[in-house]
Amino acid sequence: MNLFFRLLSVFLRANFARPRVSLFDTTRLRSRVMLTDQDMFAHMTNSRYFSFSDLAVINYIVRTGTWPKLRKRGWFPVVCAESVTFSRMLSWRDRFEIETRLIGWTDTYMCLQHDFIRDGKPTAMVRIIARFASRKRDRVTMDDVVAYLGVERTSPALPAEFENMVADVESARQRHNGDSAAA
């Protein structure tokens, strides 16, 4: 996390935000492009979108009230894949908002989408595929997480883009496990 002070600010603001929101609600995080967020072309550097997405995930987890529950179990999210699509440039001093929402989940992965909005218009979209890990190194499935959090709904159908990302993650995982088994 290369935005430590922003992380601290997001965590504190989200922790005291009321009311809590549902896992299926959209959370919002407001920010501004700082001079240090720019690249040599005078727009926000590509890697910052992923850093801001990390902040938006923290905001989402804390605002939904799942943070203390996950900590109690020793579970934490691990990003397995990310993709970004740009439609407009963000530049120094631009104010923007990140809208985060849960798209759905599979047996293993949860799918989140972050929409970057400036002046009411989308500027970028970050898609994230994540799984949960355990500090005890136990296997954590999405069924475990959903049951523990008391979610009584099934996952909405995943859009094709997310289905493809999940398939890519699984393919890479199988290739990696196959390579390590042969070594």
N, C-alpha and C. Protein backbone atom coordinates (compact mmCIF):
# COMPACT_ATOMS: atom_id res chain seq x y z
N MET A 1 0.86 -1.17 0.00
CA MET A 1 0.00 0.00 0.00
C MET A 1 0.90 1.23 0.00
N ASN A 2 0.89 1.96 -1.08
CA ASN A 2 1.77 3.12 -1.17
C ASN A 2 1.05 4.44 -0.88
N LEU A 3 -0.13 4.37 -0.33
CA LEU A 3 -0.88 5.56 0.02
C LEU A 3 -1.22 5.51 1.51
N PHE A 4 -0.20 5.39 2.35
CA PHE A 4 -0.40 5.11 3.76
C PHE A 4 -1.32 6.11 4.46
N PHE A 5 -1.09 7.40 4.28
CA PHE A 5 -1.91 8.39 4.98
C PHE A 5 -3.34 8.39 4.47
N ARG A 6 -3.51 8.13 3.18
CA ARG A 6 -4.87 8.01 2.66
C ARG A 6 -5.53 6.76 3.22
N LEU A 7 -4.77 5.67 3.37
CA LEU A 7 -5.30 4.44 3.96
C LEU A 7 -5.80 4.72 5.37
N LEU A 8 -5.00 5.39 6.15
CA LEU A 8 -5.38 5.71 7.52
C LEU A 8 -6.66 6.55 7.55
N SER A 9 -6.73 7.54 6.69
CA SER A 9 -7.91 8.40 6.60
C SER A 9 -9.15 7.60 6.19
N VAL A 10 -9.01 6.76 5.17
CA VAL A 10 -10.14 5.95 4.69
C VAL A 10 -10.61 5.02 5.81
N PHE A 11 -9.68 4.36 6.46
CA PHE A 11 -10.04 3.42 7.52
C PHE A 11 -10.80 4.13 8.65
N LEU A 12 -10.29 5.26 9.09
CA LEU A 12 -10.93 5.98 10.19
C LEU A 12 -12.30 6.51 9.78
N ARG A 13 -12.41 7.11 8.61
CA ARG A 13 -13.70 7.64 8.16
C ARG A 13 -14.72 6.52 7.98
N ALA A 14 -14.30 5.40 7.39
CA ALA A 14 -15.23 4.29 7.16
C ALA A 14 -15.65 3.65 8.47
N ASN A 15 -14.74 3.61 9.42
CA ASN A 15 -15.03 2.98 10.71
C ASN A 15 -16.10 3.73 11.49
N PHE A 16 -16.16 5.05 11.31
CA PHE A 16 -17.13 5.85 12.06
C PHE A 16 -18.33 6.25 11.21
N ALA A 17 -18.39 5.79 9.98
CA ALA A 17 -19.52 6.11 9.10
C ALA A 17 -20.76 5.39 9.59
N ARG A 18 -21.86 6.07 9.57
CA ARG A 18 -23.14 5.48 9.93
C ARG A 18 -24.15 5.87 8.88
N PRO A 19 -25.10 5.09 8.57
CA PRO A 19 -25.27 3.71 9.03
C PRO A 19 -24.39 2.77 8.22
N ARG A 20 -24.26 1.55 8.73
CA ARG A 20 -23.55 0.50 7.98
C ARG A 20 -24.35 0.20 6.72
N VAL A 21 -23.67 -0.35 5.74
CA VAL A 21 -24.35 -0.70 4.48
C VAL A 21 -24.31 -2.21 4.28
N SER A 22 -25.17 -2.68 3.42
CA SER A 22 -25.25 -4.09 3.09
C SER A 22 -24.11 -4.47 2.15
N LEU A 23 -23.77 -5.76 2.13
CA LEU A 23 -22.77 -6.25 1.18
C LEU A 23 -23.18 -5.97 -0.26
N PHE A 24 -24.47 -5.80 -0.49
CA PHE A 24 -24.98 -5.61 -1.85
C PHE A 24 -25.20 -4.15 -2.20
N ASP A 25 -24.86 -3.25 -1.28
CA ASP A 25 -24.94 -1.81 -1.55
C ASP A 25 -23.67 -1.34 -2.24
N THR A 26 -23.76 -0.19 -2.86
CA THR A 26 -22.59 0.45 -3.47
C THR A 26 -21.99 1.40 -2.44
N THR A 27 -20.69 1.26 -2.21
CA THR A 27 -20.01 2.21 -1.32
C THR A 27 -19.28 3.23 -2.18
N ARG A 28 -19.08 4.41 -1.60
CA ARG A 28 -18.43 5.49 -2.33
C ARG A 28 -17.25 6.02 -1.54
N LEU A 29 -16.21 6.32 -2.27
CA LEU A 29 -15.00 6.89 -1.68
C LEU A 29 -14.60 8.08 -2.53
N ARG A 30 -14.48 9.24 -1.90
CA ARG A 30 -14.10 10.46 -2.62
C ARG A 30 -12.62 10.72 -2.42
N SER A 31 -11.98 11.22 -3.48
CA SER A 31 -10.57 11.57 -3.38
C SER A 31 -10.24 12.63 -4.43
N ARG A 32 -8.97 12.93 -4.52
CA ARG A 32 -8.49 13.94 -5.45
C ARG A 32 -7.13 13.48 -5.95
N VAL A 33 -6.81 13.81 -7.20
CA VAL A 33 -5.51 13.49 -7.76
C VAL A 33 -4.51 14.50 -7.21
N MET A 34 -3.50 13.98 -6.54
CA MET A 34 -2.45 14.82 -6.00
C MET A 34 -1.29 14.88 -7.01
N LEU A 35 -0.43 15.82 -6.81
CA LEU A 35 0.72 15.98 -7.69
C LEU A 35 1.55 14.69 -7.75
N THR A 36 1.66 13.99 -6.63
CA THR A 36 2.46 12.76 -6.57
C THR A 36 1.76 11.56 -7.22
N ASP A 37 0.51 11.72 -7.63
CA ASP A 37 -0.23 10.64 -8.29
C ASP A 37 -0.04 10.66 -9.81
N GLN A 38 0.63 11.68 -10.31
CA GLN A 38 0.76 11.86 -11.76
C GLN A 38 1.99 11.16 -12.32
N ASP A 39 1.90 10.88 -13.62
CA ASP A 39 3.07 10.39 -14.33
C ASP A 39 3.62 11.52 -15.19
N MET A 40 4.59 11.21 -16.03
CA MET A 40 5.23 12.26 -16.82
C MET A 40 4.34 12.84 -17.92
N PHE A 41 3.17 12.24 -18.12
CA PHE A 41 2.24 12.76 -19.12
C PHE A 41 1.14 13.61 -18.48
N ALA A 42 1.32 13.93 -17.21
CA ALA A 42 0.43 14.83 -16.46
C ALA A 42 -0.97 14.25 -16.26
N HIS A 43 -1.07 12.94 -16.16
CA HIS A 43 -2.33 12.35 -15.72
C HIS A 43 -2.05 11.28 -14.68
N MET A 44 -3.08 10.86 -13.98
CA MET A 44 -2.87 9.90 -12.91
C MET A 44 -2.25 8.62 -13.48
N THR A 45 -1.16 8.20 -12.86
CA THR A 45 -0.45 7.02 -13.35
C THR A 45 -1.33 5.78 -13.23
N ASN A 46 -1.14 4.86 -14.14
CA ASN A 46 -1.99 3.66 -14.20
C ASN A 46 -1.99 2.87 -12.90
N SER A 47 -0.84 2.75 -12.26
CA SER A 47 -0.76 1.96 -11.03
C SER A 47 -1.58 2.57 -9.89
N ARG A 48 -1.82 3.87 -9.92
CA ARG A 48 -2.59 4.51 -8.86
C ARG A 48 -4.04 4.03 -8.86
N TYR A 49 -4.57 3.66 -10.03
CA TYR A 49 -5.94 3.16 -10.08
C TYR A 49 -6.06 1.89 -9.22
N PHE A 50 -5.05 1.04 -9.27
CA PHE A 50 -5.07 -0.16 -8.44
C PHE A 50 -4.89 0.19 -6.97
N SER A 51 -4.04 1.17 -6.67
CA SER A 51 -3.85 1.59 -5.28
C SER A 51 -5.14 2.18 -4.72
N PHE A 52 -5.81 3.01 -5.51
CA PHE A 52 -7.09 3.56 -5.06
C PHE A 52 -8.15 2.47 -4.93
N SER A 53 -8.07 1.45 -5.78
CA SER A 53 -8.99 0.32 -5.66
C SER A 53 -8.77 -0.42 -4.34
N ASP A 54 -7.51 -0.55 -3.93
CA ASP A 54 -7.23 -1.14 -2.62
C ASP A 54 -7.89 -0.34 -1.51
N LEU A 55 -7.79 0.98 -1.60
CA LEU A 55 -8.44 1.83 -0.60
C LEU A 55 -9.96 1.64 -0.63
N ALA A 56 -10.51 1.51 -1.81
CA ALA A 56 -11.96 1.32 -1.95
C ALA A 56 -12.40 -0.02 -1.37
N VAL A 57 -11.56 -1.05 -1.48
CA VAL A 57 -11.88 -2.35 -0.87
C VAL A 57 -11.90 -2.22 0.65
N ILE A 58 -10.92 -1.51 1.21
CA ILE A 58 -10.90 -1.29 2.66
C ILE A 58 -12.16 -0.54 3.08
N ASN A 59 -12.50 0.50 2.35
CA ASN A 59 -13.71 1.26 2.64
C ASN A 59 -14.94 0.35 2.61
N TYR A 60 -15.04 -0.50 1.59
CA TYR A 60 -16.17 -1.42 1.43
C TYR A 60 -16.25 -2.41 2.60
N ILE A 61 -15.13 -3.03 2.93
CA ILE A 61 -15.12 -4.05 3.99
C ILE A 61 -15.46 -3.43 5.35
N VAL A 62 -14.94 -2.25 5.62
CA VAL A 62 -15.22 -1.61 6.91
C VAL A 62 -16.66 -1.10 6.94
N ARG A 63 -17.11 -0.44 5.88
CA ARG A 63 -18.47 0.12 5.85
C ARG A 63 -19.55 -0.95 5.92
N THR A 64 -19.28 -2.13 5.39
CA THR A 64 -20.27 -3.21 5.44
C THR A 64 -20.25 -3.94 6.79
N GLY A 65 -19.30 -3.61 7.65
CA GLY A 65 -19.24 -4.24 8.96
C GLY A 65 -18.59 -5.61 8.96
N THR A 66 -17.99 -6.01 7.85
CA THR A 66 -17.38 -7.34 7.79
C THR A 66 -15.95 -7.37 8.35
N TRP A 67 -15.34 -6.21 8.48
CA TRP A 67 -13.95 -6.15 8.94
C TRP A 67 -13.73 -6.86 10.28
N PRO A 68 -14.49 -6.52 11.35
CA PRO A 68 -14.24 -7.21 12.63
C PRO A 68 -14.56 -8.70 12.57
N LYS A 69 -15.55 -9.06 11.78
CA LYS A 69 -15.91 -10.49 11.65
C LYS A 69 -14.79 -11.26 10.97
N LEU A 70 -14.24 -10.70 9.90
CA LEU A 70 -13.14 -11.37 9.18
C LEU A 70 -11.91 -11.48 10.08
N ARG A 71 -11.60 -10.41 10.80
CA ARG A 71 -10.44 -10.43 11.70
C ARG A 71 -10.61 -11.48 12.79
N LYS A 72 -11.82 -11.61 13.31
CA LYS A 72 -12.09 -12.59 14.37
C LYS A 72 -11.76 -14.01 13.88
N ARG A 73 -12.05 -14.30 12.62
CA ARG A 73 -11.77 -15.61 12.05
C ARG A 73 -10.35 -15.73 11.51
N GLY A 74 -9.66 -14.60 11.39
CA GLY A 74 -8.32 -14.63 10.82
C GLY A 74 -8.34 -14.73 9.31
N TRP A 75 -9.44 -14.28 8.70
CA TRP A 75 -9.58 -14.32 7.25
C TRP A 75 -9.27 -12.95 6.67
N PHE A 76 -8.70 -12.95 5.48
CA PHE A 76 -8.41 -11.69 4.80
C PHE A 76 -8.49 -11.91 3.29
N PRO A 77 -8.91 -10.87 2.55
CA PRO A 77 -9.02 -11.01 1.10
C PRO A 77 -7.64 -10.93 0.43
N VAL A 78 -7.47 -11.71 -0.62
CA VAL A 78 -6.24 -11.71 -1.41
C VAL A 78 -6.64 -11.51 -2.87
N VAL A 79 -6.12 -10.48 -3.49
CA VAL A 79 -6.45 -10.21 -4.89
C VAL A 79 -5.73 -11.23 -5.77
N CYS A 80 -6.49 -11.86 -6.66
CA CYS A 80 -5.94 -12.86 -7.59
C CYS A 80 -5.79 -12.30 -9.00
N ALA A 81 -6.62 -11.33 -9.36
CA ALA A 81 -6.55 -10.72 -10.70
C ALA A 81 -7.22 -9.35 -10.66
N GLU A 82 -6.69 -8.45 -11.45
CA GLU A 82 -7.26 -7.11 -11.60
C GLU A 82 -7.17 -6.71 -13.06
N SER A 83 -8.15 -5.95 -13.49
CA SER A 83 -8.06 -5.36 -14.83
C SER A 83 -8.61 -3.95 -14.75
N VAL A 84 -8.10 -3.09 -15.59
CA VAL A 84 -8.57 -1.71 -15.62
C VAL A 84 -8.91 -1.33 -17.06
N THR A 85 -9.98 -0.57 -17.20
CA THR A 85 -10.38 -0.03 -18.50
C THR A 85 -10.53 1.47 -18.32
N PHE A 86 -9.87 2.23 -19.17
CA PHE A 86 -9.90 3.69 -19.08
C PHE A 86 -10.83 4.27 -20.13
N SER A 87 -11.55 5.33 -19.76
CA SER A 87 -12.36 6.03 -20.74
C SER A 87 -12.05 7.52 -20.78
N ARG A 88 -11.56 8.05 -19.67
CA ARG A 88 -11.18 9.47 -19.59
C ARG A 88 -9.97 9.58 -18.67
N MET A 89 -9.24 10.64 -18.84
CA MET A 89 -8.03 10.88 -18.06
C MET A 89 -8.36 11.65 -16.77
N LEU A 90 -7.70 11.28 -15.69
CA LEU A 90 -7.75 12.06 -14.46
C LEU A 90 -6.44 12.81 -14.34
N SER A 91 -6.52 14.10 -14.04
CA SER A 91 -5.33 14.94 -13.93
C SER A 91 -5.24 15.58 -12.56
N TRP A 92 -4.11 16.23 -12.32
CA TRP A 92 -3.83 16.88 -11.05
C TRP A 92 -5.00 17.76 -10.61
N ARG A 93 -5.36 17.63 -9.36
CA ARG A 93 -6.42 18.36 -8.67
C ARG A 93 -7.82 17.91 -9.04
N ASP A 94 -7.98 16.98 -9.97
CA ASP A 94 -9.32 16.46 -10.28
C ASP A 94 -9.88 15.75 -9.05
N ARG A 95 -11.10 16.08 -8.72
CA ARG A 95 -11.81 15.35 -7.68
C ARG A 95 -12.54 14.20 -8.38
N PHE A 96 -12.56 13.05 -7.70
CA PHE A 96 -13.24 11.90 -8.28
C PHE A 96 -13.82 11.05 -7.16
N GLU A 97 -14.68 10.16 -7.54
CA GLU A 97 -15.33 9.26 -6.60
C GLU A 97 -15.16 7.84 -7.12
N ILE A 98 -14.99 6.90 -6.20
CA ILE A 98 -14.91 5.49 -6.59
C ILE A 98 -16.16 4.80 -6.03
N GLU A 99 -16.95 4.23 -6.92
CA GLU A 99 -18.12 3.47 -6.51
C GLU A 99 -17.75 1.99 -6.54
N THR A 100 -17.88 1.33 -5.41
CA THR A 100 -17.50 -0.07 -5.28
C THR A 100 -18.73 -0.91 -5.04
N ARG A 101 -18.82 -2.02 -5.77
CA ARG A 101 -19.94 -2.92 -5.53
C ARG A 101 -19.53 -4.37 -5.76
N LEU A 102 -20.18 -5.22 -5.01
CA LEU A 102 -19.99 -6.66 -5.14
C LEU A 102 -20.78 -7.12 -6.35
N ILE A 103 -20.09 -7.75 -7.30
CA ILE A 103 -20.75 -8.24 -8.51
C ILE A 103 -21.30 -9.64 -8.26
N GLY A 104 -20.56 -10.45 -7.52
CA GLY A 104 -21.01 -11.81 -7.23
C GLY A 104 -19.83 -12.65 -6.77
N TRP A 105 -20.04 -13.97 -6.73
CA TRP A 105 -18.98 -14.86 -6.28
C TRP A 105 -19.16 -16.25 -6.88
N THR A 106 -18.06 -16.99 -6.85
CA THR A 106 -18.06 -18.39 -7.25
C THR A 106 -17.77 -19.21 -5.99
N ASP A 107 -17.46 -20.47 -6.15
CA ASP A 107 -17.10 -21.29 -4.99
C ASP A 107 -15.86 -20.76 -4.28
N THR A 108 -14.95 -20.18 -5.07
CA THR A 108 -13.66 -19.76 -4.54
C THR A 108 -13.45 -18.25 -4.51
N TYR A 109 -14.01 -17.54 -5.47
CA TYR A 109 -13.66 -16.13 -5.68
C TYR A 109 -14.83 -15.18 -5.50
N MET A 110 -14.51 -13.98 -5.01
CA MET A 110 -15.49 -12.90 -5.01
C MET A 110 -15.08 -11.90 -6.08
N CYS A 111 -16.06 -11.25 -6.67
CA CYS A 111 -15.83 -10.33 -7.78
C CYS A 111 -16.34 -8.94 -7.40
N LEU A 112 -15.45 -7.96 -7.44
CA LEU A 112 -15.79 -6.58 -7.13
C LEU A 112 -15.52 -5.69 -8.33
N GLN A 113 -16.29 -4.63 -8.43
CA GLN A 113 -16.05 -3.65 -9.49
C GLN A 113 -15.96 -2.27 -8.86
N HIS A 114 -14.97 -1.50 -9.32
CA HIS A 114 -14.77 -0.12 -8.89
C HIS A 114 -14.95 0.78 -10.10
N ASP A 115 -15.90 1.69 -10.02
CA ASP A 115 -16.10 2.67 -11.09
C ASP A 115 -15.56 4.02 -10.61
N PHE A 116 -14.61 4.56 -11.36
CA PHE A 116 -14.04 5.87 -11.07
C PHE A 116 -14.90 6.90 -11.80
N ILE A 117 -15.42 7.87 -11.05
CA ILE A 117 -16.36 8.85 -11.59
C ILE A 117 -15.81 10.26 -11.34
N ARG A 118 -15.81 11.10 -12.38
CA ARG A 118 -15.45 12.51 -12.24
C ARG A 118 -16.54 13.34 -12.89
N ASP A 119 -17.08 14.30 -12.17
CA ASP A 119 -18.14 15.17 -12.67
C ASP A 119 -19.32 14.35 -13.23
N GLY A 120 -19.64 13.26 -12.55
CA GLY A 120 -20.77 12.44 -12.95
C GLY A 120 -20.53 11.52 -14.13
N LYS A 121 -19.30 11.53 -14.66
CA LYS A 121 -18.98 10.70 -15.84
C LYS A 121 -17.91 9.67 -15.48
N PRO A 122 -18.06 8.44 -15.99
CA PRO A 122 -17.05 7.42 -15.70
C PRO A 122 -15.71 7.75 -16.36
N THR A 123 -14.63 7.51 -15.63
CA THR A 123 -13.29 7.72 -16.18
C THR A 123 -12.52 6.41 -16.30
N ALA A 124 -12.84 5.46 -15.41
CA ALA A 124 -12.15 4.16 -15.46
C ALA A 124 -12.99 3.14 -14.69
N MET A 125 -12.72 1.87 -14.99
CA MET A 125 -13.38 0.77 -14.28
C MET A 125 -12.32 -0.27 -13.94
N VAL A 126 -12.27 -0.65 -12.67
CA VAL A 126 -11.34 -1.69 -12.22
C VAL A 126 -12.16 -2.88 -11.77
N ARG A 127 -11.84 -4.04 -12.32
CA ARG A 127 -12.48 -5.29 -11.91
C ARG A 127 -11.48 -6.09 -11.09
N ILE A 128 -11.97 -6.67 -10.00
CA ILE A 128 -11.09 -7.43 -9.11
C ILE A 128 -11.69 -8.81 -8.85
N ILE A 129 -10.82 -9.81 -8.93
CA ILE A 129 -11.15 -11.17 -8.52
C ILE A 129 -10.29 -11.45 -7.28
N ALA A 130 -10.94 -11.83 -6.18
CA ALA A 130 -10.21 -12.08 -4.94
C ALA A 130 -10.72 -13.37 -4.30
N ARG A 131 -9.90 -13.91 -3.44
CA ARG A 131 -10.32 -15.06 -2.63
C ARG A 131 -9.98 -14.72 -1.19
N PHE A 132 -10.44 -15.54 -0.28
CA PHE A 132 -10.12 -15.32 1.12
C PHE A 132 -9.08 -16.34 1.56
N ALA A 133 -8.14 -15.86 2.35
CA ALA A 133 -7.11 -16.72 2.92
C ALA A 133 -7.26 -16.67 4.44
N SER A 134 -6.59 -17.61 5.10
CA SER A 134 -6.67 -17.71 6.56
C SER A 134 -5.27 -17.59 7.15
N ARG A 135 -5.17 -16.89 8.24
CA ARG A 135 -3.88 -16.78 8.93
C ARG A 135 -3.40 -18.14 9.41
N LYS A 136 -4.34 -19.06 9.64
CA LYS A 136 -4.00 -20.42 10.06
C LYS A 136 -3.70 -21.33 8.86
N ARG A 137 -3.78 -20.75 7.67
CA ARG A 137 -3.54 -21.47 6.42
C ARG A 137 -4.62 -22.52 6.12
N ASP A 138 -5.80 -22.35 6.73
CA ASP A 138 -6.94 -23.20 6.40
C ASP A 138 -7.51 -22.76 5.06
N ARG A 139 -8.13 -23.68 4.35
CA ARG A 139 -8.80 -23.33 3.10
C ARG A 139 -10.11 -22.62 3.43
N VAL A 140 -10.34 -21.47 2.81
CA VAL A 140 -11.57 -20.70 3.03
C VAL A 140 -12.30 -20.61 1.70
N THR A 141 -13.51 -21.13 1.65
CA THR A 141 -14.32 -21.04 0.44
C THR A 141 -15.29 -19.87 0.57
N MET A 142 -15.86 -19.47 -0.53
CA MET A 142 -16.87 -18.42 -0.47
C MET A 142 -18.11 -18.91 0.26
N ASP A 143 -18.40 -20.21 0.21
CA ASP A 143 -19.52 -20.75 1.00
C ASP A 143 -19.27 -20.52 2.49
N ASP A 144 -18.01 -20.71 2.94
CA ASP A 144 -17.66 -20.45 4.34
C ASP A 144 -17.91 -18.98 4.69
N VAL A 145 -17.44 -18.09 3.82
CA VAL A 145 -17.55 -16.65 4.07
C VAL A 145 -19.00 -16.22 4.08
N VAL A 146 -19.75 -16.65 3.07
CA VAL A 146 -21.16 -16.26 2.94
C VAL A 146 -21.96 -16.77 4.14
N ALA A 147 -21.73 -18.01 4.54
CA ALA A 147 -22.45 -18.57 5.70
C ALA A 147 -22.08 -17.82 6.97
N TYR A 148 -20.80 -17.55 7.17
CA TYR A 148 -20.35 -16.87 8.38
C TYR A 148 -20.91 -15.45 8.47
N LEU A 149 -21.00 -14.78 7.33
CA LEU A 149 -21.52 -13.41 7.32
C LEU A 149 -23.05 -13.36 7.35
N GLY A 150 -23.70 -14.52 7.26
CA GLY A 150 -25.15 -14.58 7.34
C GLY A 150 -25.86 -14.16 6.06
N VAL A 151 -25.18 -14.26 4.94
CA VAL A 151 -25.79 -13.90 3.66
C VAL A 151 -26.72 -15.03 3.25
N GLU A 152 -27.97 -14.69 3.01
CA GLU A 152 -28.96 -15.69 2.66
C GLU A 152 -29.28 -15.72 1.18
N ARG A 153 -28.62 -14.89 0.42
CA ARG A 153 -28.85 -14.83 -1.03
C ARG A 153 -27.79 -15.65 -1.75
N THR A 154 -28.14 -16.07 -2.95
CA THR A 154 -27.14 -16.70 -3.80
C THR A 154 -26.47 -15.61 -4.62
N SER A 155 -25.35 -15.95 -5.20
CA SER A 155 -24.63 -14.97 -6.00
C SER A 155 -25.43 -14.60 -7.24
N PRO A 156 -25.46 -13.31 -7.56
CA PRO A 156 -26.01 -12.94 -8.86
C PRO A 156 -25.16 -13.57 -9.97
N ALA A 157 -25.74 -13.74 -11.13
CA ALA A 157 -24.98 -14.27 -12.27
C ALA A 157 -23.84 -13.32 -12.59
N LEU A 158 -22.66 -13.89 -12.82
CA LEU A 158 -21.49 -13.07 -13.15
C LEU A 158 -21.53 -12.67 -14.61
N PRO A 159 -21.23 -11.41 -14.91
CA PRO A 159 -21.09 -10.99 -16.30
C PRO A 159 -19.93 -11.74 -16.97
N ALA A 160 -19.97 -11.83 -18.28
CA ALA A 160 -18.97 -12.58 -19.04
C ALA A 160 -17.54 -12.12 -18.73
N GLU A 161 -17.34 -10.82 -18.55
CA GLU A 161 -15.99 -10.32 -18.27
C GLU A 161 -15.42 -10.94 -16.99
N PHE A 162 -16.26 -11.07 -15.99
CA PHE A 162 -15.81 -11.67 -14.73
C PHE A 162 -15.65 -13.18 -14.87
N GLU A 163 -16.54 -13.82 -15.61
CA GLU A 163 -16.41 -15.26 -15.86
C GLU A 163 -15.07 -15.55 -16.53
N ASN A 164 -14.71 -14.71 -17.51
CA ASN A 164 -13.44 -14.89 -18.21
C ASN A 164 -12.25 -14.67 -17.29
N MET A 165 -12.34 -13.67 -16.42
CA MET A 165 -11.24 -13.43 -15.48
C MET A 165 -11.08 -14.60 -14.52
N VAL A 166 -12.19 -15.13 -14.02
CA VAL A 166 -12.13 -16.29 -13.12
C VAL A 166 -11.50 -17.47 -13.83
N ALA A 167 -11.91 -17.69 -15.09
CA ALA A 167 -11.34 -18.80 -15.88
C ALA A 167 -9.84 -18.62 -16.06
N ASP A 168 -9.40 -17.38 -16.31
CA ASP A 168 -7.96 -17.10 -16.45
C ASP A 168 -7.21 -17.37 -15.15
N VAL A 169 -7.79 -16.99 -14.01
CA VAL A 169 -7.16 -17.22 -12.71
C VAL A 169 -7.04 -18.72 -12.47
N GLU A 170 -8.11 -19.45 -12.73
CA GLU A 170 -8.09 -20.90 -12.53
C GLU A 170 -7.06 -21.58 -13.44
N SER A 171 -7.00 -21.13 -14.69
CA SER A 171 -6.03 -21.69 -15.64
C SER A 171 -4.60 -21.43 -15.18
N ALA A 172 -4.34 -20.22 -14.73
CA ALA A 172 -2.99 -19.89 -14.24
C ALA A 172 -2.66 -20.70 -12.99
N ARG A 173 -3.64 -20.88 -12.13
CA ARG A 173 -3.43 -21.66 -10.91
C ARG A 173 -3.11 -23.12 -11.24
N GLN A 174 -3.83 -23.67 -12.20
CA GLN A 174 -3.58 -25.06 -12.60
C GLN A 174 -2.21 -25.21 -13.25
N ARG A 175 -1.84 -24.24 -14.08
CA ARG A 175 -0.51 -24.28 -14.71
C ARG A 175 0.57 -24.20 -13.64
N HIS A 176 0.38 -23.31 -12.66
CA HIS A 176 1.36 -23.14 -11.60
C HIS A 176 1.46 -24.42 -10.75
N ASN A 177 0.33 -24.97 -10.39
CA ASN A 177 0.34 -26.21 -9.59
C ASN A 177 0.94 -27.37 -10.37
N GLY A 178 0.70 -27.42 -11.67
CA GLY A 178 1.27 -28.45 -12.52
C GLY A 178 2.77 -28.31 -12.63
N ASP A 179 3.25 -27.05 -12.77
CA ASP A 179 4.69 -26.80 -12.87
C ASP A 179 5.40 -27.14 -11.58
N SER A 180 4.79 -26.82 -10.43
CA SER A 180 5.45 -27.07 -9.16
C SER A 180 5.44 -28.57 -8.84
N ALA A 181 4.43 -29.28 -9.33
CA ALA A 181 4.37 -30.72 -9.09
C ALA A 181 5.43 -31.45 -9.90
N ALA A 182 5.76 -30.92 -11.09
CA ALA A 182 6.75 -31.55 -11.95
C ALA A 182 8.17 -31.27 -11.47
N ALA A 183 8.36 -30.21 -10.72
CA ALA A 183 9.71 -29.83 -10.27
C ALA A 183 10.23 -30.69 -9.17
